[in-house]
Protein backbone atom coordinates (compact mmCIF):
# COMPACT_ATOMS: atom_id res chain seq x y z
CA MET A 1 83.59 138.62 36.58
CA GLY A 2 80.99 138.03 39.03
CA LEU A 3 79.46 134.36 40.30
CA ILE A 4 78.80 132.07 37.18
CA LYS A 5 75.56 130.82 36.85
CA TRP A 6 74.48 127.82 35.38
CA LYS A 7 72.46 128.55 32.22
CA LYS A 8 69.92 126.35 29.93
CA GLU A 9 72.89 127.31 26.78
CA PHE A 10 75.55 125.45 28.95
CA SER A 11 73.41 122.28 28.65
CA VAL A 12 74.86 119.65 26.42
CA ASP A 13 71.63 117.44 27.31
CA ILE A 14 73.54 114.61 28.35
CA LYS A 15 73.55 114.69 31.93
CA GLU A 16 76.12 113.23 33.29
CA LEU A 17 78.04 115.79 31.41
CA ASP A 18 76.13 118.58 32.25
CA ASN A 19 75.88 117.30 36.02
CA GLN A 20 79.80 117.56 35.37
CA HIS A 21 79.86 120.81 33.98
CA LYS A 22 78.11 122.16 36.99
CA LYS A 23 80.44 121.29 39.43
CA ILE A 24 82.81 122.86 37.47
CA ILE A 25 81.18 125.92 37.49
CA LYS A 26 81.08 125.43 41.58
CA ILE A 27 84.89 124.64 42.01
CA LEU A 28 85.14 128.44 39.92
CA ASN A 29 82.76 129.78 41.85
CA HIS A 30 84.82 128.96 45.13
CA MET A 31 87.60 130.70 44.19
CA PHE A 32 85.55 133.64 43.01
CA SER A 33 84.75 134.04 46.26
CA LEU A 34 87.76 133.70 47.40
CA GLN A 35 88.89 137.46 45.20
CA GLY A 36 90.18 139.38 47.13
CA LYS A 37 90.65 137.88 50.60
CA GLU A 38 93.67 136.74 52.15
CA LYS A 39 93.96 133.44 51.02
CA THR A 40 95.66 130.60 52.61
CA GLU A 41 98.23 128.46 50.85
CA LYS A 42 96.34 125.44 51.25
CA GLU A 43 93.52 127.16 50.25
CA ILE A 44 95.08 127.88 46.98
CA GLU A 45 96.63 124.16 46.49
CA LYS A 46 93.46 122.55 47.06
CA ILE A 47 91.66 124.92 44.10
CA LEU A 48 94.37 124.26 42.23
CA GLY A 49 94.33 120.54 43.19
CA ASP A 50 90.22 120.53 43.12
CA LEU A 51 90.23 121.84 39.83
CA HIS A 52 93.43 120.00 37.95
CA GLU A 53 91.83 116.50 39.66
CA TYR A 54 88.17 117.35 38.30
CA ILE A 55 89.02 118.44 35.31
CA LYS A 56 90.82 115.45 34.02
CA GLU A 57 88.16 113.30 35.20
CA HIS A 58 84.90 115.03 33.50
CA PHE A 59 87.53 115.21 30.34
CA ARG A 60 88.06 111.55 30.65
CA THR A 61 84.36 111.09 31.04
CA GLU A 62 84.09 113.05 27.45
CA GLU A 63 86.15 111.09 25.57
CA GLU A 64 84.99 107.46 26.69
CA TYR A 65 81.91 109.32 25.71
CA MET A 66 83.32 109.96 21.91
CA LEU A 67 85.28 106.66 21.44
CA LYS A 68 82.06 104.71 22.61
CA HIS A 69 80.22 105.82 19.91
CA HIS A 70 83.21 106.56 17.10
CA TYR A 71 82.90 110.53 17.68
CA SER A 72 84.87 111.95 14.70
CA GLY A 73 85.67 114.99 16.07
CA TYR A 74 87.38 112.92 19.13
CA ASP A 75 91.40 114.46 17.50
CA LYS A 76 90.26 117.92 17.96
CA GLN A 77 88.46 117.43 21.29
CA LYS A 78 91.36 115.46 22.84
CA GLN A 79 94.00 117.75 21.57
CA GLU A 80 91.89 121.02 23.92
CA HIS A 81 91.48 118.92 26.66
CA ASN A 82 95.12 118.39 26.44
CA HIS A 83 96.31 121.70 25.90
CA PHE A 84 93.91 122.92 28.66
CA ILE A 85 95.36 120.69 30.95
CA ASP A 86 98.94 121.33 30.13
CA ARG A 87 98.11 124.89 30.55
CA LEU A 88 96.61 124.27 34.08
CA CYS A 89 99.44 122.59 35.05
CA GLU A 90 102.03 125.32 34.34
CA PHE A 91 99.43 127.46 37.30
CA GLN A 92 100.50 124.49 39.26
CA LYS A 93 103.69 124.44 38.35
CA GLU A 94 104.05 128.40 39.50
CA TYR A 95 102.71 127.65 42.27
CA LEU A 96 104.86 125.30 43.44
CA LYS A 97 107.83 127.12 42.66
CA GLY A 98 106.65 129.27 45.21
CA ASN A 99 105.44 132.04 43.00
CA ARG A 100 101.89 133.86 43.45
CA VAL A 101 99.37 132.68 41.83
CA ASN A 102 97.01 135.42 39.89
CA THR A 103 93.78 133.64 41.09
CA SER A 104 91.90 136.09 38.64
CA ILE A 105 93.85 135.36 35.68
CA LEU A 106 93.29 131.77 36.58
CA LEU A 107 90.02 132.20 36.73
CA ASN A 108 89.36 134.29 33.75
CA PHE A 109 91.66 131.84 32.08
CA VAL A 110 89.42 128.84 33.04
CA TRP A 111 86.14 130.44 32.72
CA ASP A 112 86.62 132.06 29.40
CA TRP A 113 88.40 128.33 27.77
CA PHE A 114 85.58 126.77 29.80
CA SER A 115 82.50 128.62 28.20
CA GLN A 116 83.64 128.97 24.71
CA HIS A 117 84.34 124.92 24.91
CA ILE A 118 80.77 124.45 26.15
CA LEU A 119 79.53 126.35 23.33
CA ASN A 120 81.52 125.29 21.43
CA LEU A 121 82.68 121.76 20.68
CA ASP A 122 80.98 120.18 23.87
CA LYS A 123 77.10 121.29 22.30
CA GLN A 124 78.54 119.49 19.21
CA ILE A 125 79.46 116.22 21.21
CA GLY A 126 75.49 116.70 22.74
CA THR A 127 74.15 117.03 19.48
CA PHE A 128 75.98 113.99 17.71
CA LEU A 129 74.76 111.57 20.67
CA LYS A 130 71.33 112.25 21.17
CA GLU A 131 71.26 111.52 17.25
CA LYS A 132 72.82 108.44 17.90
CA THR A 133 70.52 107.19 20.85
């Protein structure tokens, strides 16, 4: 996996959400840039914390859009968001127990989930919101 570049097909045509998606990609690229390098515990802790906090903020924003506009797919989205946060917390728990976090596995998990989530569920939200406004 190389550095992730924003592609037009990732756009959900909601500026705020697209900007948040871009920031998540920036965090992932930072994580990728540390691959194969000796990482300090502080760097790993910071990446995990930044990713966790920003993803939660992003999900909150998406969920507010969905609730405000009575999006019928809200429950499915919320379930997906919760599942992702739970899995991310598992990585953090392992780290806090003193176990080594395999950043390759973490990076691949986040990117696979994130890209599929954008291309499938988030695109549907974008289409729905464009029709509402």
